[in-house]
Protein backbone atom coordinates (compact mmCIF):
# COMPACT_ATOMS: atom_id res chain seq x y z
CA MET A 1 78.29 139.78 123.54
CA ALA A 2 81.94 138.81 123.27
CA LYS A 3 84.28 141.28 121.60
CA LYS A 4 86.10 139.85 118.54
CA VAL A 5 89.86 140.31 118.74
CA GLU A 6 91.59 141.11 115.46
CA SER A 7 94.58 138.74 115.18
CA ASP A 8 95.68 139.72 111.68
CA GLY A 9 95.95 136.02 110.88
CA LEU A 10 98.76 135.49 113.39
CA SER A 11 98.64 132.83 116.09
CA LEU A 12 98.20 133.72 119.68
CA TRP A 13 101.68 132.37 120.50
CA TYR A 14 103.34 134.47 117.81
CA ARG A 15 101.51 137.67 118.95
CA PHE A 16 102.50 136.97 122.60
CA THR A 17 106.18 136.30 121.84
CA TRP A 18 106.30 139.31 119.47
CA ARG A 19 104.96 141.58 122.21
CA VAL A 20 107.43 140.21 124.78
CA LYS A 21 110.38 140.70 122.38
CA TYR A 22 109.22 144.26 121.63
CA ILE A 23 108.92 145.17 125.28
CA VAL A 24 112.33 143.59 126.13
CA LEU A 25 114.01 145.40 123.26
CA THR A 26 112.31 148.68 124.28
CA PHE A 27 113.70 148.60 127.83
CA TYR A 28 116.83 146.47 127.59
CA GLY A 29 117.88 146.59 123.95
CA PRO A 30 120.39 148.78 122.24
CA PRO A 31 119.66 152.44 121.52
CA ARG A 32 117.79 153.25 118.34
CA LEU A 33 119.96 152.55 115.32
CA ALA A 34 119.66 153.67 111.70
CA GLY A 35 117.39 151.77 109.30
CA ARG A 36 117.51 147.98 109.14
CA LEU A 37 120.17 147.82 111.87
CA ASP A 38 117.61 148.77 114.52
CA PRO A 39 116.21 145.57 116.08
CA ILE A 40 112.80 147.15 116.89
CA THR A 41 112.37 148.38 113.33
CA ARG A 42 113.39 144.97 111.98
CA LEU A 43 110.88 143.33 114.34
CA GLU A 44 108.09 145.63 113.12
CA GLN A 45 108.99 145.03 109.49
CA ASP A 46 109.06 141.26 109.95
CA ARG A 47 105.63 141.39 111.63
CA ALA A 48 104.25 143.58 108.82
CA ALA A 49 105.52 141.03 106.25
CA LYS A 50 103.88 138.15 108.22
CA VAL A 51 100.60 140.06 108.43
CA ALA A 52 100.66 140.74 104.66
CA GLU A 53 101.45 137.06 104.01
CA ALA A 54 98.56 135.93 106.24
CA ARG A 55 96.13 138.33 104.58
CA ALA A 56 97.23 137.14 101.12
CA ALA A 57 96.66 133.56 102.21
CA ARG A 58 93.15 134.46 103.33
CA GLY A 59 92.46 136.10 99.95
CA GLY A 60 92.66 139.66 101.23
CA ALA A 61 89.74 139.20 103.59
CA GLY A 62 89.74 141.53 106.57
CA THR A 63 91.65 144.30 104.95
CA SER A 64 90.48 147.70 105.86
CA SER A 65 91.33 151.21 104.68
CA ALA A 66 91.91 153.78 107.36
CA PHE A 67 91.48 156.72 104.98
């Protein structure tokens, strides 16, 4: 049986480019900066906002509590 991949409502292209940007910034980006100035933190926050927006558009379906 095929394993279902959780996409968090984001397109395959977005997830691919996000991962590439994250890897590039990890190895070739600037050192870690404080708060919103850090490009990796900004990338993570932008993705979290997109995931929340996608979940809200789906009506909250697929939300899970880890605790």
